[in-house]
Amino acid sequence: MSVLPTRLSFMRRIINKIRSLFWKILGVDEQMM
């Protein structure tokens, strides 16, 4: 039971990093947020 939440938060953290990098590459870092 304790493995799922940690994995979810871990995946969410990775997705956030990838998304921020993606927006920086596109050049719309501040507009979307």
PDB file of N, CA and C in Angstrom:
ATOM      1  N   MET A   1       0.833  -1.208   0.000  1.00  0.00           N
ATOM      2  CA  MET A   1       0.000   0.000   0.000  1.00  0.00           C
ATOM      3  C   MET A   1       0.867   1.257   0.000  1.00  0.00           C
ATOM      4  N   SER A   2       2.011   1.191   0.664  1.00  0.00           N
ATOM      5  CA  SER A   2       2.854   2.387   0.783  1.00  0.00           C
ATOM      6  C   SER A   2       3.732   2.588  -0.457  1.00  0.00           C
ATOM      7  N   VAL A   3       3.732   1.609  -1.349  1.00  0.00           N
ATOM      8  CA  VAL A   3       4.582   1.717  -2.540  1.00  0.00           C
ATOM      9  C   VAL A   3       3.909   2.579  -3.602  1.00  0.00           C
ATOM     10  N   LEU A   4       2.590   2.498  -3.702  1.00  0.00           N
ATOM     11  CA  LEU A   4       1.881   3.231  -4.750  1.00  0.00           C
ATOM     12  C   LEU A   4       1.964   4.753  -4.596  1.00  0.00           C
ATOM     13  N   PRO A   5       1.641   5.318  -3.433  1.00  0.00           N
ATOM     14  CA  PRO A   5       1.689   6.785  -3.286  1.00  0.00           C
ATOM     15  C   PRO A   5       3.074   7.354  -3.581  1.00  0.00           C
ATOM     16  N   THR A   6       4.125   6.683  -3.099  1.00  0.00           N
ATOM     17  CA  THR A   6       5.482   7.179  -3.337  1.00  0.00           C
ATOM     18  C   THR A   6       5.796   7.152  -4.825  1.00  0.00           C
ATOM     19  N   ARG A   7       5.368   6.101  -5.495  1.00  0.00           N
ATOM     20  CA  ARG A   7       5.622   6.004  -6.932  1.00  0.00           C
ATOM     21  C   ARG A   7       4.849   7.084  -7.681  1.00  0.00           C
ATOM     22  N   LEU A   8       3.625   7.351  -7.241  1.00  0.00           N
ATOM     23  CA  LEU A   8       2.819   8.389  -7.886  1.00  0.00           C
ATOM     24  C   LEU A   8       3.483   9.753  -7.735  1.00  0.00           C
ATOM     25  N   SER A   9       3.925  10.069  -6.529  1.00  0.00           N
ATOM     26  CA  SER A   9       4.576  11.362  -6.304  1.00  0.00           C
ATOM     27  C   SER A   9       5.879  11.442  -7.095  1.00  0.00           C
ATOM     28  N   PHE A  10       6.590  10.320  -7.179  1.00  0.00           N
ATOM     29  CA  PHE A  10       7.843  10.297  -7.927  1.00  0.00           C
ATOM     30  C   PHE A  10       7.590  10.561  -9.407  1.00  0.00           C
ATOM     31  N   MET A  11       6.589   9.880  -9.969  1.00  0.00           N
ATOM     32  CA  MET A  11       6.251  10.083 -11.382  1.00  0.00           C
ATOM     33  C   MET A  11       5.785  11.508 -11.615  1.00  0.00           C
ATOM     34  N   ARG A  12       4.997  12.032 -10.671  1.00  0.00           N
ATOM     35  CA  ARG A  12       4.491  13.403 -10.819  1.00  0.00           C
ATOM     36  C   ARG A  12       5.643  14.395 -10.820  1.00  0.00           C
ATOM     37  N   ARG A  13       6.646  14.142  -9.976  1.00  0.00           N
ATOM     38  CA  ARG A  13       7.816  15.031  -9.913  1.00  0.00           C
ATOM     39  C   ARG A  13       8.573  14.998 -11.234  1.00  0.00           C
ATOM     40  N   ILE A  14       8.754  13.795 -11.798  1.00  0.00           N
ATOM     41  CA  ILE A  14       9.458  13.662 -13.079  1.00  0.00           C
ATOM     42  C   ILE A  14       8.673  14.355 -14.184  1.00  0.00           C
ATOM     43  N   ILE A  15       7.350  14.182 -14.181  1.00  0.00           N
ATOM     44  CA  ILE A  15       6.507  14.807 -15.210  1.00  0.00           C
ATOM     45  C   ILE A  15       6.621  16.323 -15.118  1.00  0.00           C
ATOM     46  N   ASN A  16       6.663  16.848 -13.903  1.00  0.00           N
ATOM     47  CA  ASN A  16       6.790  18.301 -13.732  1.00  0.00           C
ATOM     48  C   ASN A  16       8.115  18.803 -14.290  1.00  0.00           C
ATOM     49  N   LYS A  17       9.189  18.064 -14.033  1.00  0.00           N
ATOM     50  CA  LYS A  17      10.501  18.476 -14.549  1.00  0.00           C
ATOM     51  C   LYS A  17      10.511  18.454 -16.070  1.00  0.00           C
ATOM     52  N   ILE A  18       9.979  17.370 -16.653  1.00  0.00           N
ATOM     53  CA  ILE A  18       9.952  17.257 -18.111  1.00  0.00           C
ATOM     54  C   ILE A  18       9.084  18.349 -18.708  1.00  0.00           C
ATOM     55  N   ARG A  19       7.957  18.632 -18.061  1.00  0.00           N
ATOM     56  CA  ARG A  19       7.047  19.659 -18.588  1.00  0.00           C
ATOM     57  C   ARG A  19       7.711  21.025 -18.549  1.00  0.00           C
ATOM     58  N   SER A  20       8.407  21.347 -17.457  1.00  0.00           N
ATOM     59  CA  SER A  20       9.081  22.644 -17.350  1.00  0.00           C
ATOM     60  C   SER A  20      10.171  22.761 -18.412  1.00  0.00           C
ATOM     61  N   LEU A  21      10.922  21.682 -18.619  1.00  0.00           N
ATOM     62  CA  LEU A  21      11.951  21.688 -19.663  1.00  0.00           C
ATOM     63  C   LEU A  21      11.311  21.882 -21.030  1.00  0.00           C
ATOM     64  N   PHE A  22      10.184  21.212 -21.259  1.00  0.00           N
ATOM     65  CA  PHE A  22       9.491  21.304 -22.545  1.00  0.00           C
ATOM     66  C   PHE A  22       9.051  22.736 -22.813  1.00  0.00           C
ATOM     67  N   TRP A  23       8.464  23.381 -21.794  1.00  0.00           N
ATOM     68  CA  TRP A  23       8.003  24.753 -21.975  1.00  0.00           C
ATOM     69  C   TRP A  23       9.182  25.695 -22.177  1.00  0.00           C
ATOM     70  N   LYS A  24      10.286  25.443 -21.494  1.00  0.00           N
ATOM     71  CA  LYS A  24      11.467  26.298 -21.673  1.00  0.00           C
ATOM     72  C   LYS A  24      11.981  26.182 -23.102  1.00  0.00           C
ATOM     73  N   ILE A  25      11.960  24.956 -23.648  1.00  0.00           N
ATOM     74  CA  ILE A  25      12.427  24.756 -25.022  1.00  0.00           C
ATOM     75  C   ILE A  25      11.503  25.473 -25.997  1.00  0.00           C
ATOM     76  N   LEU A  26      10.204  25.449 -25.728  1.00  0.00           N
ATOM     77  CA  LEU A  26       9.250  26.095 -26.625  1.00  0.00           C
ATOM     78  C   LEU A  26       9.280  27.609 -26.470  1.00  0.00           C
ATOM     79  N   GLY A  27       9.720  28.073 -25.306  1.00  0.00           N
ATOM     80  CA  GLY A  27       9.815  29.507 -25.087  1.00  0.00           C
ATOM     81  C   GLY A  27       8.523  30.105 -24.565  1.00  0.00           C
ATOM     82  N   VAL A  28       7.669  29.280 -23.969  1.00  0.00           N
ATOM     83  CA  VAL A  28       6.414  29.800 -23.402  1.00  0.00           C
ATOM     84  C   VAL A  28       6.385  29.473 -21.914  1.00  0.00           C
ATOM     85  N   ASP A  29       7.519  29.738 -21.259  1.00  0.00           N
ATOM     86  CA  ASP A  29       7.675  29.352 -19.860  1.00  0.00           C
ATOM     87  C   ASP A  29       6.753  30.161 -18.955  1.00  0.00           C
ATOM     88  N   GLU A  30       6.678  31.463 -19.173  1.00  0.00           N
ATOM     89  CA  GLU A  30       5.924  32.322 -18.259  1.00  0.00           C
ATOM     90  C   GLU A  30       4.490  32.540 -18.729  1.00  0.00           C
ATOM     91  N   GLN A  31       4.219  32.344 -20.014  1.00  0.00           N
ATOM     92  CA  GLN A  31       2.889  32.646 -20.535  1.00  0.00           C
ATOM     93  C   GLN A  31       1.845  31.652 -20.018  1.00  0.00           C
ATOM     94  N   MET A  32       2.177  30.371 -20.013  1.00  0.00           N
ATOM     95  CA  MET A  32       1.213  29.362 -19.599  1.00  0.00           C
ATOM     96  C   MET A  32       0.955  29.432 -18.099  1.00  0.00           C
ATOM     97  N   MET A  33       1.969  29.844 -17.330  1.00  0.00           N
ATOM     98  CA  MET A  33       1.793  29.896 -15.883  1.00  0.00           C
ATOM     99  C   MET A  33       1.430  31.315 -15.451  1.00  0.00           C
TER     100      MET A  33
END
